Protein backbone atom coordinates (compact mmCIF):
# COMPACT_ATOMS: atom_id res chain seq x y z
CA UNK A 1 22.94 -15.37 5.19
CA UNK A 2 19.33 -15.37 3.35
CA UNK A 3 17.88 -11.86 2.73
CA UNK A 4 15.24 -11.07 5.33
CA UNK A 5 11.73 -10.58 4.15
CA UNK A 6 10.39 -7.39 5.19
CA UNK A 7 6.81 -6.01 4.61
CA UNK A 8 6.48 -2.31 4.73
CA UNK A 9 3.09 -0.45 4.73
CA UNK A 10 2.53 3.38 4.23
CA UNK A 11 0.04 5.59 2.53
CA UNK A 12 2.49 8.22 1.87
CA UNK A 13 3.94 7.26 -1.49
CA UNK A 14 7.47 9.15 -0.99
CA UNK A 15 7.79 7.15 2.35
CA UNK A 16 6.86 3.74 0.99
CA UNK A 17 9.46 4.68 -2.02
CA UNK A 18 12.16 5.63 0.67
CA UNK A 19 11.50 2.55 2.76
CA UNK A 20 11.50 0.15 -0.37
CA UNK A 21 14.81 1.64 -1.83
CA UNK A 22 16.39 1.79 1.59
CA UNK A 23 15.40 -1.88 2.42
CA UNK A 24 17.03 -3.13 -0.60
CA UNK A 25 19.94 -1.11 -0.12
CA UNK A 26 20.43 -2.85 3.34
CA UNK A 27 20.30 -6.19 1.74
CA UNK A 28 16.76 -7.17 2.39
CA UNK A 29 13.84 -8.31 0.41
CA UNK A 30 11.08 -5.71 0.28
CA UNK A 31 7.13 -6.19 -0.26
CA UNK A 32 5.39 -2.65 -0.06
CA UNK A 33 1.80 -1.95 0.74
CA UNK A 34 -0.15 1.60 0.30
CA UNK A 35 -2.50 0.79 2.96
CA UNK A 36 -3.35 -1.22 5.98
CA UNK A 37 -5.78 -3.72 4.17
CA UNK A 38 -3.10 -4.31 1.57
CA UNK A 39 -0.55 -5.01 4.18
CA UNK A 40 -2.91 -7.49 5.93
CA UNK A 41 -3.59 -9.39 2.84
CA UNK A 42 0.09 -9.65 2.05
CA UNK A 43 0.84 -10.81 5.52
CA UNK A 44 -1.71 -13.40 5.63
CA UNK A 45 -0.27 -14.77 1.97
CA UNK A 46 3.23 -15.14 2.93
CA UNK A 47 5.95 -15.23 5.60
CA UNK A 48 7.78 -12.10 6.83
CA UNK A 49 10.50 -11.70 9.16
CA UNK A 50 9.48 -8.04 10.01
CA UNK A 51 6.57 -5.81 9.48
CA UNK A 52 7.24 -1.96 9.26
CA UNK A 53 3.60 -0.53 9.63
CA UNK A 54 2.66 3.20 9.59
CA UNK A 55 0.43 3.81 12.22
CA UNK A 56 -2.04 6.07 10.59
CA UNK A 57 -3.52 4.94 7.22
CA UNK A 58 -6.92 5.03 5.84
CA UNK A 59 -9.49 2.76 6.92
CA UNK A 60 -6.86 0.35 8.82
CA UNK A 61 -3.99 1.69 10.50
CA UNK A 62 -0.83 -0.11 11.59
CA UNK A 63 -2.27 -1.01 15.08
CA UNK A 64 -5.34 -2.44 13.67
CA UNK A 65 -3.79 -4.22 11.14
CA UNK A 66 -1.38 -5.95 13.66
CA UNK A 67 -4.12 -6.88 16.01
CA UNK A 68 -6.03 -8.90 13.15
CA UNK A 69 -2.58 -10.53 12.00
CA UNK A 70 -1.86 -11.92 15.91
CA UNK A 71 -5.28 -12.75 16.24
CA UNK A 72 -5.12 -15.44 13.57
CA UNK A 73 -2.82 -18.40 12.67
CA UNK A 74 -1.06 -17.40 9.57
CA UNK A 75 2.83 -17.60 8.25
CA UNK A 76 3.51 -13.92 9.49
CA UNK A 77 1.68 -14.27 12.80
CA UNK A 78 4.83 -13.89 14.98
CA UNK A 79 6.64 -11.56 12.77
CA UNK A 80 8.40 -8.64 14.72
CA UNK A 81 6.44 -5.58 14.03
CA UNK A 82 8.09 -2.24 14.12
CA UNK A 83 5.67 1.20 14.12
CA UNK A 84 6.40 4.22 11.92
CA UNK A 85 4.71 7.35 12.52
CA UNK A 86 5.40 11.10 11.52
CA UNK A 87 3.81 12.40 14.68
CA UNK A 88 5.49 14.07 17.39
CA UNK A 89 3.73 12.28 19.85
CA UNK A 90 2.52 8.68 18.59
CA UNK A 91 -0.85 7.39 20.04
CA UNK A 92 -0.18 5.48 23.43
CA UNK A 93 -0.23 1.93 23.86
CA UNK A 94 1.90 1.02 20.57
CA UNK A 95 4.52 -1.16 22.35
CA UNK A 96 1.49 -2.89 24.49
CA UNK A 97 -0.50 -3.71 21.14
CA UNK A 98 2.57 -5.70 19.57
CA UNK A 99 5.12 -3.38 18.43
CA UNK A 100 8.67 -3.99 19.40
CA UNK A 101 9.73 -0.41 18.59
CA UNK A 102 8.60 2.81 17.46
CA UNK A 103 10.54 4.53 14.60
CA UNK A 104 10.05 8.25 14.15
CA UNK A 105 9.81 9.64 10.39
CA UNK A 106 11.81 11.10 8.83
CA UNK A 107 14.62 8.54 9.12
CA UNK A 108 17.80 8.27 7.18
CA UNK A 109 19.25 4.97 5.83
CA UNK A 110 21.90 4.42 9.07
CA UNK A 111 18.90 5.06 11.38
CA UNK A 112 16.82 2.32 9.54
CA UNK A 113 19.89 0.12 9.83
CA UNK A 114 20.09 0.79 13.43
CA UNK A 115 16.55 -0.01 13.95
CA UNK A 116 16.62 -3.26 12.13
CA UNK A 117 19.85 -4.67 13.50
CA UNK A 118 17.93 -4.70 17.00
CA UNK A 119 15.77 -7.49 15.70
CA UNK A 120 17.09 -9.16 12.76
CA UNK A 121 20.51 -10.62 11.48
CA UNK A 122 21.22 -8.31 8.28
CA UNK A 123 23.75 -9.43 5.54
CA UNK A 124 27.03 -7.94 6.37
CA UNK A 125 26.79 -4.27 4.80
CA UNK A 126 29.29 -1.40 3.69
CA UNK A 127 29.43 1.61 5.90
CA UNK A 128 26.35 3.56 5.51
CA UNK A 129 27.22 7.35 5.25
CA UNK A 130 24.25 9.39 6.59
CA UNK A 131 21.77 10.80 4.11
CA UNK A 132 21.87 14.15 5.32
CA UNK A 133 23.94 16.31 7.27
CA UNK A 134 22.26 19.66 8.38
CA UNK A 135 25.38 21.09 10.36
CA UNK A 136 27.57 20.61 7.36
CA UNK A 137 25.04 22.42 5.11
CA UNK A 138 24.63 25.20 7.54
CA UNK A 139 28.06 25.77 8.06
CA UNK A 140 28.62 25.97 4.26
CA UNK A 141 25.40 28.41 4.03
CA UNK A 142 26.91 30.57 6.74
CA UNK A 143 24.19 29.39 9.13
CA UNK A 144 21.35 30.71 7.10
CA UNK A 145 18.65 27.73 6.93
CA UNK A 146 16.77 29.52 4.19
CA UNK A 147 20.00 29.00 1.69
CA UNK A 148 20.01 25.40 2.79
CA UNK A 149 16.53 25.22 1.79
CA UNK A 150 17.16 26.72 -1.58
CA UNK A 151 20.13 24.89 -2.23
CA UNK A 152 18.70 21.59 -1.36
CA UNK A 153 15.74 22.42 -3.61
CA UNK A 154 17.93 22.87 -6.65
CA UNK A 155 19.71 19.47 -5.63
CA UNK A 156 16.11 17.82 -5.58
CA UNK A 157 15.64 19.40 -9.15
CA UNK A 158 19.16 17.77 -9.91
CA UNK A 159 18.41 14.34 -9.00
CA UNK A 160 14.77 14.18 -10.71
CA UNK A 161 16.91 14.79 -13.81
CA UNK A 162 19.84 12.57 -13.09
CA UNK A 163 18.41 9.19 -13.88
CA UNK A 164 17.93 10.06 -17.65
CA UNK A 165 21.27 11.54 -17.68
CA UNK A 166 23.04 8.58 -16.27
CA UNK A 167 20.92 6.33 -18.58
CA UNK A 168 22.24 7.97 -21.61
CA UNK A 169 25.72 7.94 -20.06
CA UNK A 170 25.38 4.04 -19.44
CA UNK A 171 24.27 3.46 -22.75
CA UNK A 172 27.41 5.09 -24.39
CA UNK A 173 29.45 3.40 -21.51
CA UNK A 174 31.33 7.03 -21.51
CA UNK A 175 33.43 6.88 -18.51
CA UNK A 176 34.44 10.53 -19.04
CA UNK A 177 31.19 11.91 -18.63
CA UNK A 178 30.33 9.59 -15.93
CA UNK A 179 33.36 11.22 -13.88
CA UNK A 180 32.32 14.71 -14.92
CA UNK A 181 28.83 14.06 -13.66
CA UNK A 182 29.95 12.68 -10.22
CA UNK A 183 32.20 15.42 -9.71
CA UNK A 184 29.29 17.89 -10.38
CA UNK A 185 27.35 15.95 -8.03
CA UNK A 186 29.82 15.90 -5.55
CA UNK A 187 29.96 19.82 -5.39
CA UNK A 188 26.22 20.16 -4.89
CA UNK A 189 26.26 17.31 -2.34
CA UNK A 190 28.91 19.44 -0.35
CA UNK A 191 27.06 22.56 -0.53
CA UNK A 192 23.86 20.75 0.67
CA UNK A 193 25.18 18.51 3.37
CA UNK A 194 24.16 15.33 2.03
CA UNK A 195 27.24 12.67 2.51
CA UNK A 196 25.48 9.77 1.12
CA UNK A 197 25.60 11.07 -2.43
CA UNK A 198 29.46 11.91 -1.81
CA UNK A 199 29.63 8.26 -0.40
CA UNK A 200 27.99 6.20 -3.27
CA UNK A 201 29.66 8.62 -5.85
CA UNK A 202 32.81 7.50 -4.37
CA UNK A 203 31.83 4.15 -4.38
CA UNK A 204 31.05 4.16 -8.31
CA UNK A 205 34.32 5.92 -9.03
CA UNK A 206 35.93 2.98 -7.65
CA UNK A 207 34.03 0.56 -9.47
CA UNK A 208 34.65 2.47 -12.67
CA UNK A 209 38.49 2.57 -12.09
CA UNK A 210 38.45 -1.43 -11.85
CA UNK A 211 38.17 -1.71 -15.66
CA UNK A 212 34.68 -3.35 -16.29
CA UNK A 213 31.77 -1.02 -16.98
CA UNK A 214 29.92 -1.09 -13.38
CA UNK A 215 26.52 -1.51 -14.42
CA UNK A 216 25.60 -3.00 -11.00
CA UNK A 217 27.24 -0.21 -9.04
CA UNK A 218 25.22 2.38 -11.29
CA UNK A 219 21.88 0.63 -10.45
CA UNK A 220 23.08 0.91 -6.51
CA UNK A 221 23.80 4.63 -7.23
CA UNK A 222 20.54 5.61 -8.54
CA UNK A 223 18.68 3.82 -5.69
CA UNK A 224 20.80 5.88 -3.29
CA UNK A 225 19.96 9.01 -5.19
CA UNK A 226 16.31 7.84 -5.15
CA UNK A 227 16.76 7.52 -1.22
CA UNK A 228 18.17 10.88 -0.74
CA UNK A 229 15.42 12.75 -3.40
CA UNK A 230 12.57 11.00 -1.47
CA UNK A 231 14.05 12.62 1.96
CA UNK A 232 14.64 15.96 0.55
CA UNK A 233 10.75 15.82 -0.54
């Protein structure tokens, strides 16, 4: 099965990074646009299977960009479009404007996968653990949301430093150091209610145990950590 081509447009850099990394994890090819005008230009120039358009962007919002795209012949004129929004009450008329679905942000990887499979055949994918589990985090913190917030702040800092740490371990091909680093991240993920990190760490350990140095799985691990970091922001 060919990889679906998806265009994602969002003026929030964190959202854009999350969607781009998440779509790659789900087996899609992704093009990113920082505003509606850039999204329109990309969709006019190439064929996409699906468009993820933020409703509110400077100058040209998602609905306006979609209307212009639908009004003229082009390679993405008939592409499925999903509106993304952080608003509790998104603007009325989005479905009438041609969007097939409205996706509320923030969304985790499993939620994005569920939305996409309504409209596209995705490549076979492994089980996707939920990125954040607030109930688990609250239980670990004795029900204190302030403690959860503080612990997740520490986890965010840990994830910021992680790529350089893993790069050094990768360069040295130090299996013992990698296992130790994954063990420490597991502990952080458990306290903070982040099943996705434990899941991706488990995959990396399995690949490491297979014998050859797991370059591709390390790259997958770092992408997943980046997705979680974007959500923690």
